[in-house]
């Protein structure tokens, strides 16, 4: 189910063409978006969990958890991050926000925020904790002025990660260096752990995480003495909550591909001029076909005349009606074109000549991204895509499980195609067990779309209760060992609290681009 209610100051999608007719679009935020200048593609990624599962929300919290928060409040938080909401898909289990700089996903029990460019993601974290406390009613404490908020919800776990920046000197606020980011997070949370994974003088990845049942850093000067209220739950409820937490954590896995030095021919498809040309060809081809098919349903004019049927001038009118009524407004592809008038009078829609969601859907289809989790396997999946001027692309996918009672997952894609800073990322938490494919097959499909000169992969996978053995982690590290056309340069396996982390770095066999652009070296 997708919510059809349109929030204040928003408009619905302009046509069934863009494949997500029930999503919400913020037109004010899409005005004057431009990606002309050099852009920092590698994103900052934050996950804040307030419970291990939607089924184990604290009893005092709102039943809907974070999803009770109005979009206007999230927009206020995003103002601190320096990005805007372009559009929203609202489903039963998750709200997917497509942003001017990447994406945000709001589940009942957790929030995932991913931003690129010079956004100040960590500046929004105190506001997230405050919103979770005051609106979602998660357990909280009085915070100190260092945190920038008077009240802060107590998270279950926090994860923050990013690749080394290409242009670190352009970053702002707490993101000028990894050291500054760690200090910012340590001011909020006790006992967090910071890692650099990969070569200090090569491609590497940073990670900060807290242990389960995270503790906030105590106020420097408590305003008043606080008492801790202990809630005693019946033993049966405690067991049920523990089981719910084990189920969610045992199924949690996140795959992230961070790709640089994209093949120019592959990167070209994420430019507005190229996408518009593709759309024009598709439009006229399918518009002609739609009219021909509609006319076939009516039979030839001669056949109609022989039986004393319709007047000839009615043929085009009826063909138009059949064609228009055959459009699937819930289709998640750029097909289903229709046109009126004679074939010589077809007019190319203006929305297919300018940046926005319509061309975003064209690119999602033509590039093959929408086929990573195809509608044949995931009939309720929805993709919300946007193409920027003069280039650049972002997409969110909401992927409900095809199995009854299953969870809803997501994927997100962001592309900066300019040759001097080309970059693309793909992230998903759709379990490999649900796709019926090996993780390597998903990686191969995505890499084939972009053909990067090099890329890194991180697989963050929750441990089962029986997996608390490093030998199991090493076995997981052997996953997706062979990617066709690439050689593995680096492989690192980390045995973390509750998770196994696999990091791998690949270079294309025929890559002749020299050493990678590091931008940021070491700590």
Protein backbone atom coordinates (compact mmCIF):
# COMPACT_ATOMS: atom_id res chain seq x y z
CA UNK A 1 0.00 0.00 0.00
CA UNK A 2 1.22 3.47 -0.86
CA UNK A 3 -0.25 6.49 0.89
CA UNK A 4 -2.14 8.71 -1.54
CA UNK A 5 -2.47 11.68 0.80
CA UNK A 6 -0.50 14.68 -0.44
CA UNK A 7 1.32 16.60 2.31
CA UNK A 8 1.12 20.40 2.40
CA UNK A 9 3.21 22.23 -0.23
CA UNK A 10 3.65 19.04 -2.26
CA UNK A 11 2.26 17.93 -5.61
CA UNK A 12 1.59 14.47 -6.97
CA UNK A 13 3.54 13.02 -9.84
CA UNK A 14 2.59 14.70 -13.15
CA UNK A 15 1.80 11.58 -15.14
CA UNK A 16 1.73 7.83 -15.15
CA UNK A 17 4.80 7.99 -17.37
CA UNK A 18 7.27 8.26 -14.51
CA UNK A 19 6.10 4.97 -13.04
CA UNK A 20 5.41 6.15 -9.48
CA UNK A 21 2.05 7.94 -9.74
CA UNK A 22 1.43 7.93 -6.01
CA UNK A 23 4.72 9.31 -4.84
CA UNK A 24 4.92 12.84 -3.44
CA UNK A 25 7.08 15.45 -5.19
CA UNK A 26 8.40 18.68 -3.67
CA UNK A 27 8.51 20.92 -6.73
CA UNK A 28 10.00 23.89 -4.90
CA UNK A 29 13.11 21.87 -4.05
CA UNK A 30 13.60 20.74 -7.67
CA UNK A 31 13.90 24.30 -9.02
CA UNK A 32 17.43 25.32 -10.06
CA UNK A 33 19.09 22.04 -9.11
CA UNK A 34 22.37 21.93 -11.02
CA UNK A 35 25.36 19.57 -10.91
CA UNK A 36 27.65 21.53 -13.23
CA UNK A 37 30.62 21.85 -10.85
CA UNK A 38 32.98 19.18 -9.54
CA UNK A 39 31.07 17.12 -7.04
CA UNK A 40 32.01 14.97 -4.03
CA UNK A 41 30.24 11.74 -4.91
CA UNK A 42 31.27 9.52 -1.97
CA UNK A 43 28.52 9.68 0.62
CA UNK A 44 28.38 9.92 4.38
CA UNK A 45 26.11 7.13 5.70
CA UNK A 46 24.38 7.20 9.08
CA UNK A 47 22.13 4.55 10.62
CA UNK A 48 20.47 5.24 13.96
CA UNK A 49 18.59 2.30 15.46
CA UNK A 50 16.25 2.91 18.41
CA UNK A 51 15.29 -0.75 18.61
CA UNK A 52 16.57 -3.96 17.06
CA UNK A 53 13.26 -4.58 15.33
CA UNK A 54 9.87 -2.98 14.57
CA UNK A 55 8.47 -5.75 16.75
CA UNK A 56 10.54 -4.75 19.76
CA UNK A 57 9.83 -1.03 20.08
CA UNK A 58 9.94 0.23 23.68
CA UNK A 59 6.50 0.04 25.29
CA UNK A 60 6.33 3.77 25.97
CA UNK A 61 7.15 4.73 22.37
CA UNK A 62 4.59 5.54 19.69
CA UNK A 63 3.27 2.35 18.04
CA UNK A 64 4.38 3.67 14.65
CA UNK A 65 7.82 4.55 15.99
CA UNK A 66 9.72 7.05 13.84
CA UNK A 67 7.10 6.88 11.12
CA UNK A 68 4.77 8.98 13.24
CA UNK A 69 7.08 11.97 12.64
CA UNK A 70 5.62 14.44 10.09
CA UNK A 71 7.69 15.04 6.97
CA UNK A 72 7.89 18.74 7.84
CA UNK A 73 9.94 17.91 10.95
CA UNK A 74 12.33 15.75 8.97
CA UNK A 75 12.70 18.63 6.53
CA UNK A 76 13.74 20.90 9.42
CA UNK A 77 16.39 18.37 10.40
CA UNK A 78 17.59 18.14 6.78
CA UNK A 79 18.00 21.92 6.68
CA UNK A 80 20.79 21.44 9.24
CA UNK A 81 22.33 18.85 6.91
CA UNK A 82 22.04 21.26 3.94
CA UNK A 83 19.88 19.19 1.64
CA UNK A 84 16.25 19.21 0.48
CA UNK A 85 13.50 16.64 -0.05
CA UNK A 86 12.70 16.04 -3.72
CA UNK A 87 10.06 13.34 -3.32
CA UNK A 88 8.76 10.66 -0.96
CA UNK A 89 7.48 7.11 -1.39
CA UNK A 90 5.30 6.09 1.56
CA UNK A 91 4.77 2.35 1.96
CA UNK A 92 3.47 0.17 4.78
CA UNK A 93 6.88 -0.42 6.36
CA UNK A 94 9.20 2.41 5.28
CA UNK A 95 9.13 5.98 3.97
CA UNK A 96 11.79 6.60 1.30
CA UNK A 97 12.92 10.22 0.89
CA UNK A 98 14.77 11.13 -2.30
CA UNK A 99 17.00 14.11 -1.46
CA UNK A 100 18.82 16.78 -3.42
CA UNK A 101 21.96 15.06 -2.10
CA UNK A 102 21.13 11.34 -1.85
CA UNK A 103 18.53 9.59 0.35
CA UNK A 104 16.82 8.95 3.67
CA UNK A 105 14.80 5.92 4.78
CA UNK A 106 12.55 6.02 7.83
CA UNK A 107 11.47 2.71 9.40
CA UNK A 108 9.52 2.44 12.67
CA UNK A 109 12.69 1.49 14.57
CA UNK A 110 15.55 3.07 12.62
CA UNK A 111 16.55 5.93 10.35
CA UNK A 112 19.06 5.68 7.50
CA UNK A 113 20.47 8.95 6.15
CA UNK A 114 22.91 9.04 3.24
CA UNK A 115 24.20 12.35 1.88
CA UNK A 116 26.90 13.36 -0.58
CA UNK A 117 28.62 16.58 -1.64
CA UNK A 118 29.49 19.02 1.14
CA UNK A 119 26.47 18.19 3.28
CA UNK A 120 26.91 18.32 7.05
CA UNK A 121 25.21 15.07 7.95
CA UNK A 122 26.42 14.80 11.55
CA UNK A 123 25.05 18.29 12.26
CA UNK A 124 21.59 16.76 11.95
CA UNK A 125 22.22 13.91 14.42
CA UNK A 126 21.29 15.83 17.62
CA UNK A 127 18.03 16.87 15.95
CA UNK A 128 17.31 13.24 15.01
CA UNK A 129 17.75 12.22 18.66
CA UNK A 130 15.53 15.07 19.80
CA UNK A 131 12.74 14.23 17.31
CA UNK A 132 12.90 10.55 18.29
CA UNK A 133 12.48 11.55 21.96
CA UNK A 134 9.78 14.22 21.70
CA UNK A 135 7.65 12.92 18.80
CA UNK A 136 8.27 9.14 18.62
CA UNK A 137 8.50 8.95 22.44
CA UNK A 138 11.57 6.75 22.57
CA UNK A 139 13.31 6.57 25.98
CA UNK A 140 15.46 9.63 26.43
CA UNK A 141 17.62 11.69 28.74
CA UNK A 142 18.36 15.35 29.31
CA UNK A 143 21.26 16.17 27.00
CA UNK A 144 24.04 18.70 27.41
CA UNK A 145 24.61 21.86 25.40
CA UNK A 146 27.52 20.21 23.55
CA UNK A 147 25.01 17.97 21.81
CA UNK A 148 23.02 20.96 20.62
CA UNK A 149 19.71 19.72 22.02
CA UNK A 150 17.95 19.69 25.36
CA UNK A 151 16.54 16.17 25.01
CA UNK A 152 18.00 13.15 23.25
CA UNK A 153 16.54 9.69 22.65
CA UNK A 154 18.79 6.82 23.67
CA UNK A 155 19.64 4.76 20.54
CA UNK A 156 19.93 1.01 20.46
CA UNK A 157 22.88 1.18 18.02
CA UNK A 158 24.53 3.78 15.81
CA UNK A 159 26.54 3.20 12.62
CA UNK A 160 28.39 5.86 10.63
CA UNK A 161 30.58 5.14 7.60
CA UNK A 162 32.04 6.61 4.43
CA UNK A 163 34.70 6.11 1.79
CA UNK A 164 37.75 8.38 1.70
CA UNK A 165 36.75 11.74 0.18
CA UNK A 166 37.94 12.86 -3.25
CA UNK A 167 37.90 16.55 -2.27
CA UNK A 168 38.34 16.63 1.54
CA UNK A 169 39.36 20.30 1.57
CA UNK A 170 35.83 21.27 0.48
CA UNK A 171 34.07 19.58 3.40
CA UNK A 172 32.40 21.65 6.11
CA UNK A 173 31.52 21.43 9.79
CA UNK A 174 32.47 18.17 11.51
CA UNK A 175 33.43 16.51 8.21
CA UNK A 176 36.79 18.17 7.55
CA UNK A 177 38.56 14.97 8.65
CA UNK A 178 37.79 11.52 10.04
CA UNK A 179 39.34 12.60 13.33
CA UNK A 180 36.81 15.46 13.61
CA UNK A 181 33.92 13.14 12.79
CA UNK A 182 34.98 10.68 15.48
CA UNK A 183 35.24 13.50 18.03
CA UNK A 184 31.76 14.68 17.09
CA UNK A 185 30.31 11.18 17.58
CA UNK A 186 32.22 10.56 20.83
CA UNK A 187 30.69 13.72 22.27
CA UNK A 188 27.30 12.04 21.82
CA UNK A 189 27.93 8.38 22.61
CA UNK A 190 29.95 6.42 25.17
CA UNK A 191 32.12 3.52 24.06
CA UNK A 192 31.92 4.01 20.31
CA UNK A 193 34.57 2.31 18.16
CA UNK A 194 36.23 3.89 15.12
CA UNK A 195 37.93 1.94 12.32
CA UNK A 196 39.80 2.63 9.09
CA UNK A 197 39.49 -0.36 6.76
CA UNK A 198 41.80 -0.66 3.78
CA UNK A 199 45.17 0.84 2.88
CA UNK A 200 46.11 4.17 4.43
CA UNK A 201 47.78 5.12 1.15
CA UNK A 202 45.13 3.49 -1.03
CA UNK A 203 41.37 3.10 -1.26
CA UNK A 204 39.91 2.81 2.23
CA UNK A 205 36.68 3.01 4.16
CA UNK A 206 35.86 4.47 7.58
CA UNK A 207 33.44 3.01 10.13
CA UNK A 208 32.18 4.15 13.52
CA UNK A 209 29.74 2.01 15.48
CA UNK A 210 28.39 1.62 18.98
CA UNK A 211 27.62 -1.56 20.87
CA UNK A 212 24.04 -2.72 21.45
CA UNK A 213 22.16 -0.63 24.01
CA UNK A 214 24.19 2.48 23.32
CA UNK A 215 24.77 4.93 26.16
CA UNK A 216 24.73 8.68 25.67
CA UNK A 217 27.68 10.70 26.91
CA UNK A 218 26.57 12.13 30.29
CA UNK A 219 25.90 15.86 30.52
CA UNK A 220 28.92 17.87 31.62
CA UNK A 221 26.82 19.58 34.27
CA UNK A 222 23.46 17.91 35.01
CA UNK A 223 20.69 20.48 35.27
CA UNK A 224 18.90 18.49 37.91
CA UNK A 225 19.10 15.10 39.55
CA UNK A 226 17.36 12.48 37.48
CA UNK A 227 15.78 9.25 38.58
CA UNK A 228 15.73 6.18 36.41
CA UNK A 229 12.38 4.50 36.16
CA UNK A 230 12.69 0.73 35.79
CA UNK A 231 9.87 -1.01 33.98
CA UNK A 232 9.41 -4.65 35.03
CA UNK A 233 7.93 -6.66 32.18
CA UNK A 234 6.40 -10.11 32.58
CA UNK A 235 8.85 -12.85 31.73
CA UNK A 236 6.81 -13.95 28.70
CA UNK A 237 6.99 -10.43 27.26
CA UNK A 238 10.72 -10.28 27.84
CA UNK A 239 11.17 -13.56 25.98
CA UNK A 240 9.00 -12.34 23.07
CA UNK A 241 10.99 -9.10 22.80
CA UNK A 242 14.28 -10.99 22.88
CA UNK A 243 13.09 -13.34 20.14
CA UNK A 244 11.95 -10.41 17.99
CA UNK A 245 15.33 -8.73 18.37
CA UNK A 246 17.17 -11.94 17.45
CA UNK A 247 15.04 -12.39 14.31
CA UNK A 248 15.65 -8.84 13.05
CA UNK A 249 19.35 -8.76 13.81
CA UNK A 250 19.89 -12.23 12.38
CA UNK A 251 18.39 -11.11 9.06
CA UNK A 252 20.10 -7.71 8.81
CA UNK A 253 22.59 -7.35 5.99
CA UNK A 254 23.68 -4.36 3.94
CA UNK A 255 25.60 -4.54 0.67
CA UNK A 256 27.31 -1.37 -0.58
CA UNK A 257 29.25 -0.86 -3.82
CA UNK A 258 31.36 2.30 -4.14
CA UNK A 259 32.55 2.72 -7.73
CA UNK A 260 34.99 5.26 -9.22
CA UNK A 261 36.46 5.96 -12.67
CA UNK A 262 33.34 4.97 -14.57
CA UNK A 263 33.73 3.96 -18.21
CA UNK A 264 32.81 7.16 -20.18
CA UNK A 265 30.41 5.31 -22.48
CA UNK A 266 28.54 3.89 -19.49
CA UNK A 267 28.60 7.21 -17.63
CA UNK A 268 27.11 8.96 -20.67
CA UNK A 269 23.67 7.51 -20.00
CA UNK A 270 23.43 9.63 -16.83
CA UNK A 271 23.62 12.93 -18.76
CA UNK A 272 20.40 14.83 -19.46
CA UNK A 273 21.02 15.23 -23.22
CA UNK A 274 21.64 11.51 -23.67
CA UNK A 275 18.64 10.51 -21.56
CA UNK A 276 16.35 12.89 -23.45
CA UNK A 277 17.47 11.40 -26.77
CA UNK A 278 16.80 7.90 -25.47
CA UNK A 279 13.37 8.98 -24.21
CA UNK A 280 12.50 10.58 -27.55
CA UNK A 281 13.33 7.42 -29.45
CA UNK A 282 11.35 5.27 -27.02
CA UNK A 283 8.42 7.68 -27.01
CA UNK A 284 7.80 7.82 -30.75
CA UNK A 285 8.46 4.11 -31.22
CA UNK A 286 6.05 3.07 -28.49
CA UNK A 287 3.49 5.75 -29.32
CA UNK A 288 3.28 4.47 -32.90
CA UNK A 289 3.05 0.89 -31.67
CA UNK A 290 0.31 1.75 -29.16
CA UNK A 291 -1.80 3.35 -31.89
CA UNK A 292 -1.22 0.46 -34.29
CA UNK A 293 -2.25 -2.05 -31.63
CA UNK A 294 -5.35 0.00 -30.82
CA UNK A 295 -6.36 0.16 -34.46
CA UNK A 296 -5.90 -3.60 -34.81
CA UNK A 297 -8.45 -4.10 -32.04
CA UNK A 298 -10.96 -2.20 -34.16
CA UNK A 299 -10.21 -4.00 -37.38
CA UNK A 300 -9.52 -2.39 -40.74
CA UNK A 301 -11.76 0.34 -42.13
CA UNK A 302 -12.71 -1.94 -45.01
CA UNK A 303 -13.86 -4.67 -42.64
CA UNK A 304 -15.96 -2.20 -40.68
CA UNK A 305 -17.48 -0.77 -43.84
CA UNK A 306 -18.36 -4.25 -45.15
CA UNK A 307 -20.57 -4.90 -42.14
CA UNK A 308 -21.99 -1.41 -42.23
CA UNK A 309 -20.17 -0.54 -39.02
CA UNK A 310 -18.29 2.55 -37.90
CA UNK A 311 -17.75 5.68 -39.90
CA UNK A 312 -14.11 5.99 -40.94
CA UNK A 313 -13.52 9.25 -39.07
CA UNK A 314 -14.37 7.45 -35.79
CA UNK A 315 -11.44 5.02 -36.10
CA UNK A 316 -8.77 7.43 -34.79
CA UNK A 317 -11.04 8.59 -31.97
CA UNK A 318 -11.70 5.04 -30.79
CA UNK A 319 -8.04 4.11 -31.20
CA UNK A 320 -7.12 7.00 -28.95
CA UNK A 321 -9.62 5.84 -26.32
CA UNK A 322 -8.33 2.27 -26.35
CA UNK A 323 -4.74 3.47 -26.22
CA UNK A 324 -5.30 5.86 -23.33
CA UNK A 325 -7.35 3.40 -21.30
CA UNK A 326 -4.64 0.74 -21.65
CA UNK A 327 -2.01 2.76 -19.79
CA UNK A 328 -1.09 1.19 -16.45
CA UNK A 329 -0.83 4.08 -14.01
CA UNK A 330 0.86 1.78 -11.49
CA UNK A 331 3.53 0.60 -13.90
CA UNK A 332 7.05 1.02 -12.61
CA UNK A 333 8.63 1.33 -16.03
CA UNK A 334 8.82 4.02 -18.65
CA UNK A 335 6.60 2.05 -21.02
CA UNK A 336 2.93 2.69 -21.67
CA UNK A 337 3.28 5.72 -23.95
CA UNK A 338 0.21 6.90 -25.75
CA UNK A 339 -0.46 9.70 -28.18
CA UNK A 340 -3.41 11.33 -29.86
CA UNK A 341 -3.86 12.72 -33.33
CA UNK A 342 -2.38 11.40 -36.55
CA UNK A 343 1.06 9.81 -36.54
CA UNK A 344 2.52 12.92 -38.17
CA UNK A 345 1.24 15.11 -35.34
CA UNK A 346 2.88 13.36 -32.37
CA UNK A 347 4.38 15.87 -29.92
CA UNK A 348 7.30 14.97 -27.66
CA UNK A 349 6.33 15.73 -24.03
CA UNK A 350 8.23 18.62 -22.45
CA UNK A 351 8.84 16.63 -19.25
CA UNK A 352 11.13 14.34 -21.27
CA UNK A 353 13.41 17.22 -22.25
CA UNK A 354 14.21 18.54 -18.77
CA UNK A 355 15.61 17.28 -15.50
CA UNK A 356 13.30 15.53 -13.10
CA UNK A 357 11.48 12.34 -12.25
CA UNK A 358 10.27 11.53 -15.78
CA UNK A 359 13.77 11.31 -17.24
CA UNK A 360 14.94 9.67 -14.04
CA UNK A 361 12.60 6.79 -14.76
CA UNK A 362 13.83 6.58 -18.36
CA UNK A 363 17.41 6.24 -17.12
CA UNK A 364 16.45 3.72 -14.44
CA UNK A 365 14.90 1.51 -17.13
CA UNK A 366 17.35 2.01 -19.99
CA UNK A 367 20.45 1.55 -17.82
CA UNK A 368 19.16 -1.69 -16.31
CA UNK A 369 18.97 -0.45 -12.70
CA UNK A 370 15.25 -1.19 -12.44
CA UNK A 371 16.02 -4.81 -13.44
CA UNK A 372 18.26 -5.48 -10.43
CA UNK A 373 15.10 -6.27 -8.44
CA UNK A 374 12.65 -6.91 -11.30
CA UNK A 375 8.89 -6.57 -11.08
CA UNK A 376 8.56 -10.20 -12.18
CA UNK A 377 10.06 -11.19 -8.81
CA UNK A 378 8.96 -8.17 -6.73
CA UNK A 379 5.55 -7.09 -8.10
CA UNK A 380 5.00 -4.43 -5.42
CA UNK A 381 8.43 -2.79 -5.78
CA UNK A 382 8.54 0.94 -6.56
CA UNK A 383 11.43 3.04 -7.87
CA UNK A 384 11.64 6.82 -7.46
CA UNK A 385 14.37 8.26 -9.72
CA UNK A 386 15.60 11.76 -10.60
CA UNK A 387 17.96 13.01 -13.32
CA UNK A 388 19.83 16.29 -12.69
CA UNK A 389 21.08 19.12 -14.94
CA UNK A 390 23.37 18.73 -16.82
CA UNK A 391 24.08 15.29 -15.40
CA UNK A 392 23.81 13.20 -12.25
CA UNK A 393 21.26 10.65 -11.08
CA UNK A 394 19.62 9.47 -7.86
CA UNK A 395 17.11 6.70 -7.21
CA UNK A 396 15.39 5.04 -4.26
CA UNK A 397 13.77 1.65 -4.49
CA UNK A 398 11.24 0.26 -2.02
CA UNK A 399 11.16 -3.53 -2.30
CA UNK A 400 8.44 -5.37 -0.34
CA UNK A 401 9.12 -9.06 0.13
CA UNK A 402 7.23 -11.24 -2.38
CA UNK A 403 6.53 -13.65 0.48
CA UNK A 404 3.47 -13.07 2.65
CA UNK A 405 4.36 -11.43 5.94
CA UNK A 406 7.89 -10.58 4.79
CA UNK A 407 9.70 -7.30 5.49
CA UNK A 408 10.08 -4.36 3.15
CA UNK A 409 13.63 -3.57 2.05
CA UNK A 410 15.30 -0.82 0.03
CA UNK A 411 17.99 -0.03 -2.46
CA UNK A 412 19.48 3.33 -3.40
CA UNK A 413 21.67 4.46 -6.29
CA UNK A 414 23.58 7.73 -6.82
CA UNK A 415 25.72 8.69 -9.80
CA UNK A 416 28.18 11.51 -10.47
CA UNK A 417 29.26 10.83 -14.09
CA UNK A 418 31.74 13.69 -14.86
CA UNK A 419 35.10 12.18 -15.95
CA UNK A 420 37.26 14.11 -13.45
CA UNK A 421 35.17 12.97 -10.46
CA UNK A 422 33.10 10.04 -11.75
CA UNK A 423 31.51 7.98 -9.02
CA UNK A 424 28.52 5.73 -8.47
CA UNK A 425 27.16 3.99 -5.40
CA UNK A 426 24.68 1.17 -4.94
CA UNK A 427 23.37 0.14 -1.54
CA UNK A 428 20.72 -2.40 -0.56
CA UNK A 429 19.51 -4.40 2.40
CA UNK A 430 17.50 -6.89 0.30
CA UNK A 431 18.71 -10.24 1.71
CA UNK A 432 20.59 -12.46 -0.70
CA UNK A 433 18.44 -15.36 0.48
CA UNK A 434 15.36 -13.51 -0.79
CA UNK A 435 16.71 -12.81 -4.28
CA UNK A 436 17.46 -16.43 -5.11
CA UNK A 437 20.86 -15.26 -6.35
CA UNK A 438 24.36 -15.17 -4.95
CA UNK A 439 25.73 -11.83 -3.73
CA UNK A 440 28.34 -12.04 -6.50
CA UNK A 441 25.57 -12.10 -9.13
CA UNK A 442 24.04 -8.85 -7.81
CA UNK A 443 27.48 -7.22 -7.75
CA UNK A 444 28.22 -8.42 -11.29
CA UNK A 445 24.92 -6.99 -12.57
CA UNK A 446 25.47 -3.58 -10.96
CA UNK A 447 29.13 -3.36 -11.99
CA UNK A 448 28.10 -4.18 -15.55
CA UNK A 449 25.89 -1.08 -15.64
CA UNK A 450 28.71 1.33 -14.71
CA UNK A 451 31.90 -0.56 -15.67
CA UNK A 452 34.04 1.26 -13.08
CA UNK A 453 37.82 1.24 -13.31
CA UNK A 454 37.82 0.26 -9.65
CA UNK A 455 35.37 -0.30 -6.87
CA UNK A 456 35.10 -1.40 -3.27
CA UNK A 457 32.43 -3.61 -1.71
CA UNK A 458 31.32 -3.75 1.90
CA UNK A 459 29.00 -6.45 3.17
CA UNK A 460 27.71 -5.87 6.68
CA UNK A 461 26.01 -9.05 7.84
CA UNK A 462 24.47 -9.80 11.22
CA UNK A 463 25.67 -12.91 13.02
CA UNK A 464 23.37 -15.72 13.95
CA UNK A 465 23.64 -17.02 17.50
CA UNK A 466 25.71 -19.94 16.17
CA UNK A 467 28.02 -17.68 14.16
CA UNK A 468 30.10 -16.36 17.06
CA UNK A 469 33.17 -17.97 15.58
CA UNK A 470 35.79 -16.13 13.55
CA UNK A 471 36.08 -19.12 11.22
CA UNK A 472 32.49 -18.42 10.17
CA UNK A 473 33.44 -14.81 9.45
CA UNK A 474 36.38 -16.00 7.33
CA UNK A 475 34.03 -18.21 5.33
CA UNK A 476 31.77 -15.24 4.71
CA UNK A 477 34.85 -13.37 3.52
CA UNK A 478 35.17 -15.81 0.64
CA UNK A 479 31.84 -14.65 -0.79
CA UNK A 480 31.83 -12.82 -4.15
CA UNK A 481 35.50 -13.64 -4.59
CA UNK A 482 35.41 -13.66 -8.38
CA UNK A 483 33.90 -10.73 -10.29
CA UNK A 484 34.25 -11.17 -14.04
CA UNK A 485 36.59 -8.63 -15.64
CA UNK A 486 38.13 -7.57 -12.32
CA UNK A 487 40.96 -8.63 -10.05
CA UNK A 488 40.65 -8.45 -6.29
CA UNK A 489 43.35 -6.23 -4.81
CA UNK A 490 42.34 -6.23 -1.17
CA UNK A 491 40.21 -8.32 1.19
CA UNK A 492 39.64 -7.59 4.88
CA UNK A 493 37.28 -9.40 7.27
CA UNK A 494 36.30 -7.88 10.61
CA UNK A 495 34.59 -9.75 13.43
CA UNK A 496 32.53 -7.00 15.10
CA UNK A 497 30.02 -6.99 17.95
CA UNK A 498 26.99 -8.73 16.43
CA UNK A 499 28.17 -8.34 12.83
CA UNK A 500 30.66 -9.65 10.33
CA UNK A 501 32.11 -7.06 7.96
CA UNK A 502 33.69 -8.00 4.64
CA UNK A 503 35.59 -5.30 2.70
CA UNK A 504 36.98 -5.95 -0.77
CA UNK A 505 38.61 -3.71 -3.34
CA UNK A 506 38.75 -4.51 -7.09
CA UNK A 507 40.39 -3.06 -10.20
CA UNK A 508 39.38 -3.75 -13.79
CA UNK A 509 41.88 -5.90 -15.73
CA UNK A 510 42.11 -3.44 -18.64
CA UNK A 511 42.17 -0.32 -16.45
CA UNK A 512 44.98 2.06 -17.45
CA UNK A 513 44.05 5.07 -15.36
CA UNK A 514 46.96 4.93 -12.96
CA UNK A 515 46.80 5.29 -9.19
CA UNK A 516 43.40 6.06 -7.64
CA UNK A 517 42.55 9.62 -6.62
CA UNK A 518 42.86 9.36 -2.86
CA UNK A 519 42.02 12.90 -1.84
CA UNK A 520 42.14 11.90 1.80
CA UNK A 521 45.02 9.80 3.14
CA UNK A 522 45.07 7.96 6.44
CA UNK A 523 43.53 9.21 9.67
